[in-house]
Amino acid sequence: MVVSVKSTKKRPVQSRRLLRGRADLARLRRVSEQEIEATSQPELADLPDDFWEEATIVEPATKQAISLRLDTDVLEWFKARDHGISPGSMQCFAPT
C-alpha cells in the first residue's frame, strides 16, 4: 500500500510568489549591467542596439487546472502512444 502525505507547512511569502512563476523583481533591479554581461550567453553579446525597439510583450494564455477521471482502458490508450498523459495528449480534446 502506498500512502501519500501532503505537507501543510506554509511556505514563506517570497517562495510562494516564486513558485507561481513570478520573478523577484526587487532582486533583478539590483543586478548590474556587468553582472548581466558576465552571465549572458555569448551569442547575445553581438545584438544590435536597436534589437528590442520593436519588441512586444506577449502574455502567455492562461490555463485552468482540472481533475479528469478516465476509465482504465482510455488511460491505457494514452499510455500506449508512448507519451502518456502530456500536453500533446490534449490535442484529442481540441475542437475540430
N, C-alpha and C. Protein backbone atom coordinates (compact mmCIF):
# COMPACT_ATOMS: atom_id res chain seq x y z
N MET A 1 0.85 -1.17 0.00
CA MET A 1 0.00 0.00 0.00
C MET A 1 0.90 1.24 0.00
N VAL A 2 0.58 2.20 -0.86
CA VAL A 2 1.32 3.45 -0.92
C VAL A 2 0.45 4.54 -0.34
N VAL A 3 1.00 5.28 0.58
CA VAL A 3 0.28 6.37 1.21
C VAL A 3 1.01 7.67 0.89
N SER A 4 0.28 8.64 0.41
CA SER A 4 0.87 9.93 0.09
C SER A 4 0.42 10.94 1.14
N VAL A 5 1.36 11.70 1.64
CA VAL A 5 1.04 12.70 2.65
C VAL A 5 1.43 14.06 2.10
N LYS A 6 0.48 14.96 2.11
CA LYS A 6 0.74 16.31 1.62
C LYS A 6 1.13 17.19 2.80
N SER A 7 2.22 17.92 2.63
CA SER A 7 2.69 18.80 3.70
C SER A 7 1.77 20.01 3.80
N THR A 8 1.42 20.35 5.02
CA THR A 8 0.57 21.53 5.23
C THR A 8 1.39 22.70 5.76
N LYS A 9 2.71 22.51 5.81
CA LYS A 9 3.58 23.57 6.29
C LYS A 9 3.54 24.74 5.31
N LYS A 10 3.27 25.93 5.81
CA LYS A 10 3.19 27.09 4.94
C LYS A 10 4.59 27.55 4.53
N ARG A 11 4.72 27.90 3.27
CA ARG A 11 5.98 28.43 2.77
C ARG A 11 6.02 29.93 3.03
N PRO A 12 7.23 30.49 3.14
CA PRO A 12 7.33 31.94 3.27
C PRO A 12 6.71 32.61 2.05
N VAL A 13 6.21 33.81 2.23
CA VAL A 13 5.52 34.53 1.16
C VAL A 13 6.40 34.62 -0.08
N GLN A 14 7.69 34.92 0.08
CA GLN A 14 8.57 35.09 -1.08
C GLN A 14 8.65 33.80 -1.90
N SER A 15 8.82 32.64 -1.27
CA SER A 15 8.94 31.41 -2.03
C SER A 15 7.62 31.03 -2.69
N ARG A 16 6.48 31.35 -2.04
CA ARG A 16 5.19 31.10 -2.69
C ARG A 16 5.09 31.93 -3.95
N ARG A 17 5.54 33.17 -3.88
CA ARG A 17 5.48 34.06 -5.03
C ARG A 17 6.33 33.49 -6.17
N LEU A 18 7.53 32.99 -5.86
CA LEU A 18 8.40 32.45 -6.89
C LEU A 18 7.84 31.16 -7.47
N LEU A 19 7.17 30.36 -6.67
CA LEU A 19 6.60 29.12 -7.17
C LEU A 19 5.48 29.37 -8.18
N ARG A 20 4.87 30.54 -8.13
CA ARG A 20 3.81 30.84 -9.08
C ARG A 20 4.38 31.34 -10.40
N GLY A 21 5.70 31.29 -10.58
CA GLY A 21 6.30 31.69 -11.83
C GLY A 21 6.59 33.18 -11.93
N ARG A 22 6.58 33.87 -10.82
CA ARG A 22 6.86 35.30 -10.85
C ARG A 22 8.30 35.54 -10.42
N ALA A 23 8.93 36.51 -11.05
CA ALA A 23 10.32 36.83 -10.75
C ALA A 23 10.41 37.71 -9.51
N ASP A 24 11.53 37.65 -8.85
CA ASP A 24 11.82 38.54 -7.74
C ASP A 24 12.32 39.85 -8.34
N LEU A 25 11.40 40.75 -8.64
CA LEU A 25 11.74 41.97 -9.36
C LEU A 25 12.70 42.85 -8.59
N ALA A 26 12.57 42.91 -7.28
CA ALA A 26 13.47 43.73 -6.48
C ALA A 26 14.91 43.24 -6.64
N ARG A 27 15.10 41.93 -6.61
CA ARG A 27 16.45 41.37 -6.80
C ARG A 27 16.96 41.64 -8.20
N LEU A 28 16.10 41.49 -9.20
CA LEU A 28 16.52 41.72 -10.58
C LEU A 28 16.91 43.17 -10.83
N ARG A 29 16.22 44.10 -10.18
CA ARG A 29 16.56 45.52 -10.35
C ARG A 29 17.94 45.85 -9.78
N ARG A 30 18.39 45.06 -8.82
CA ARG A 30 19.70 45.31 -8.21
C ARG A 30 20.86 44.74 -9.03
N VAL A 31 20.58 43.92 -10.03
CA VAL A 31 21.64 43.31 -10.83
C VAL A 31 22.26 44.38 -11.73
N SER A 32 23.59 44.47 -11.72
CA SER A 32 24.28 45.48 -12.53
C SER A 32 24.43 45.01 -13.98
N GLU A 33 24.71 45.94 -14.86
CA GLU A 33 24.95 45.60 -16.27
C GLU A 33 26.14 44.65 -16.40
N GLN A 34 27.16 44.85 -15.57
CA GLN A 34 28.35 43.98 -15.61
C GLN A 34 27.98 42.55 -15.24
N GLU A 35 27.12 42.39 -14.23
CA GLU A 35 26.68 41.04 -13.84
C GLU A 35 25.88 40.38 -14.95
N ILE A 36 25.05 41.17 -15.61
CA ILE A 36 24.24 40.64 -16.72
C ILE A 36 25.15 40.18 -17.85
N GLU A 37 26.10 41.03 -18.23
CA GLU A 37 27.03 40.69 -19.31
C GLU A 37 27.87 39.47 -18.97
N ALA A 38 28.29 39.36 -17.71
CA ALA A 38 29.14 38.24 -17.29
C ALA A 38 28.39 36.92 -17.31
N THR A 39 27.08 36.94 -17.12
CA THR A 39 26.32 35.70 -17.06
C THR A 39 25.50 35.42 -18.31
N SER A 40 25.52 36.32 -19.28
CA SER A 40 24.75 36.14 -20.51
C SER A 40 25.44 35.18 -21.46
N GLN A 41 24.66 34.57 -22.31
CA GLN A 41 25.21 33.67 -23.31
C GLN A 41 25.99 34.48 -24.34
N PRO A 42 27.09 33.93 -24.87
CA PRO A 42 27.94 34.68 -25.80
C PRO A 42 27.21 35.20 -27.04
N GLU A 43 26.25 34.45 -27.56
CA GLU A 43 25.55 34.89 -28.78
C GLU A 43 24.70 36.14 -28.56
N LEU A 44 24.43 36.49 -27.31
CA LEU A 44 23.66 37.69 -27.02
C LEU A 44 24.53 38.95 -27.01
N ALA A 45 25.84 38.78 -26.98
CA ALA A 45 26.76 39.92 -26.89
C ALA A 45 26.74 40.78 -28.15
N ASP A 46 26.43 40.20 -29.30
CA ASP A 46 26.50 40.92 -30.56
C ASP A 46 25.17 41.46 -31.05
N LEU A 47 24.18 41.53 -30.19
CA LEU A 47 22.88 42.06 -30.61
C LEU A 47 23.02 43.54 -30.93
N PRO A 48 22.39 44.01 -32.01
CA PRO A 48 22.43 45.44 -32.31
C PRO A 48 21.71 46.24 -31.22
N ASP A 49 22.08 47.50 -31.07
CA ASP A 49 21.50 48.35 -30.03
C ASP A 49 19.98 48.48 -30.16
N ASP A 50 19.45 48.43 -31.38
CA ASP A 50 18.01 48.63 -31.59
C ASP A 50 17.23 47.31 -31.61
N PHE A 51 17.84 46.23 -31.18
CA PHE A 51 17.22 44.91 -31.27
C PHE A 51 15.85 44.85 -30.60
N TRP A 52 15.69 45.46 -29.44
CA TRP A 52 14.46 45.36 -28.67
C TRP A 52 13.47 46.49 -28.94
N GLU A 53 13.80 47.44 -29.82
CA GLU A 53 12.93 48.59 -30.05
C GLU A 53 11.54 48.21 -30.56
N GLU A 54 11.44 47.23 -31.40
CA GLU A 54 10.16 46.83 -31.99
C GLU A 54 9.51 45.67 -31.23
N ALA A 55 10.12 45.26 -30.13
CA ALA A 55 9.62 44.09 -29.39
C ALA A 55 8.28 44.40 -28.72
N THR A 56 7.45 43.38 -28.63
CA THR A 56 6.19 43.49 -27.91
C THR A 56 6.13 42.36 -26.87
N ILE A 57 5.52 42.65 -25.76
CA ILE A 57 5.36 41.64 -24.71
C ILE A 57 4.16 40.77 -25.06
N VAL A 58 4.36 39.48 -25.05
CA VAL A 58 3.28 38.53 -25.34
C VAL A 58 3.00 37.76 -24.05
N GLU A 59 1.82 37.98 -23.51
CA GLU A 59 1.41 37.28 -22.29
C GLU A 59 0.98 35.86 -22.66
N PRO A 60 1.45 34.87 -21.91
CA PRO A 60 1.01 33.50 -22.20
C PRO A 60 -0.48 33.33 -21.87
N ALA A 61 -1.12 32.47 -22.63
CA ALA A 61 -2.54 32.19 -22.39
C ALA A 61 -2.69 31.52 -21.03
N THR A 62 -3.72 31.91 -20.32
CA THR A 62 -3.94 31.29 -19.01
C THR A 62 -4.52 29.89 -19.20
N LYS A 63 -4.22 29.04 -18.29
CA LYS A 63 -4.74 27.68 -18.32
C LYS A 63 -5.44 27.42 -17.00
N GLN A 64 -6.39 26.55 -17.03
CA GLN A 64 -7.13 26.22 -15.83
C GLN A 64 -6.83 24.79 -15.45
N ALA A 65 -6.47 24.59 -14.19
CA ALA A 65 -6.21 23.25 -13.69
C ALA A 65 -7.52 22.51 -13.51
N ILE A 66 -7.54 21.28 -13.97
CA ILE A 66 -8.72 20.45 -13.80
C ILE A 66 -8.30 19.07 -13.31
N SER A 67 -9.25 18.32 -12.85
CA SER A 67 -9.04 16.93 -12.49
C SER A 67 -9.92 16.12 -13.43
N LEU A 68 -9.34 15.11 -14.03
CA LEU A 68 -10.07 14.33 -15.02
C LEU A 68 -9.98 12.86 -14.65
N ARG A 69 -11.12 12.23 -14.52
CA ARG A 69 -11.15 10.81 -14.22
C ARG A 69 -11.42 10.06 -15.52
N LEU A 70 -10.55 9.11 -15.83
CA LEU A 70 -10.68 8.34 -17.06
C LEU A 70 -10.87 6.87 -16.74
N ASP A 71 -11.61 6.20 -17.61
CA ASP A 71 -11.69 4.75 -17.50
C ASP A 71 -10.29 4.18 -17.74
N THR A 72 -10.03 3.02 -17.16
CA THR A 72 -8.71 2.40 -17.27
C THR A 72 -8.33 2.18 -18.72
N ASP A 73 -9.28 1.74 -19.57
CA ASP A 73 -8.94 1.47 -20.96
C ASP A 73 -8.55 2.75 -21.71
N VAL A 74 -9.17 3.87 -21.37
CA VAL A 74 -8.83 5.14 -22.00
C VAL A 74 -7.42 5.57 -21.58
N LEU A 75 -7.12 5.44 -20.29
CA LEU A 75 -5.79 5.78 -19.81
C LEU A 75 -4.73 4.89 -20.46
N GLU A 76 -5.02 3.62 -20.59
CA GLU A 76 -4.08 2.70 -21.25
C GLU A 76 -3.88 3.09 -22.72
N TRP A 77 -4.92 3.59 -23.38
CA TRP A 77 -4.81 4.03 -24.77
C TRP A 77 -3.80 5.18 -24.87
N PHE A 78 -3.86 6.15 -23.95
CA PHE A 78 -2.89 7.24 -23.95
C PHE A 78 -1.48 6.72 -23.68
N LYS A 79 -1.35 5.84 -22.69
CA LYS A 79 -0.04 5.31 -22.35
C LYS A 79 0.57 4.51 -23.49
N ALA A 80 -0.24 3.84 -24.27
CA ALA A 80 0.24 3.02 -25.38
C ALA A 80 0.85 3.87 -26.49
N ARG A 81 0.57 5.13 -26.51
CA ARG A 81 1.12 6.02 -27.53
C ARG A 81 2.49 6.54 -27.14
N ASP A 82 3.09 5.98 -26.09
CA ASP A 82 4.46 6.25 -25.67
C ASP A 82 4.68 7.65 -25.14
N HIS A 83 3.62 8.39 -24.84
CA HIS A 83 3.83 9.70 -24.23
C HIS A 83 2.92 9.90 -23.03
N GLY A 84 2.12 8.91 -22.70
CA GLY A 84 1.29 9.02 -21.52
C GLY A 84 0.38 10.24 -21.57
N ILE A 85 0.06 10.76 -20.44
CA ILE A 85 -0.76 11.97 -20.37
C ILE A 85 0.20 13.14 -20.38
N SER A 86 0.14 13.91 -21.43
CA SER A 86 1.03 15.05 -21.59
C SER A 86 0.27 16.16 -22.31
N PRO A 87 0.86 17.36 -22.38
CA PRO A 87 0.17 18.45 -23.08
C PRO A 87 -0.22 18.07 -24.51
N GLY A 88 0.61 17.28 -25.19
CA GLY A 88 0.28 16.84 -26.54
C GLY A 88 -0.95 15.96 -26.59
N SER A 89 -1.22 15.25 -25.50
CA SER A 89 -2.39 14.38 -25.44
C SER A 89 -3.68 15.18 -25.51
N MET A 90 -3.61 16.43 -25.12
CA MET A 90 -4.79 17.26 -25.09
C MET A 90 -5.32 17.59 -26.49
N GLN A 91 -4.55 17.30 -27.53
CA GLN A 91 -4.99 17.56 -28.90
C GLN A 91 -6.29 16.81 -29.21
N CYS A 92 -6.47 15.64 -28.60
CA CYS A 92 -7.68 14.87 -28.89
C CYS A 92 -8.91 15.56 -28.32
N PHE A 93 -8.75 16.48 -27.37
CA PHE A 93 -9.89 17.19 -26.79
C PHE A 93 -10.16 18.52 -27.47
N ALA A 94 -9.28 18.93 -28.38
CA ALA A 94 -9.43 20.22 -29.06
C ALA A 94 -10.56 20.15 -30.07
N PRO A 95 -11.29 21.26 -30.22
CA PRO A 95 -12.36 21.28 -31.22
C PRO A 95 -11.80 21.13 -32.62
N THR A 96 -12.53 20.48 -33.48
CA THR A 96 -12.05 20.29 -34.86
C THR A 96 -12.70 21.26 -35.81
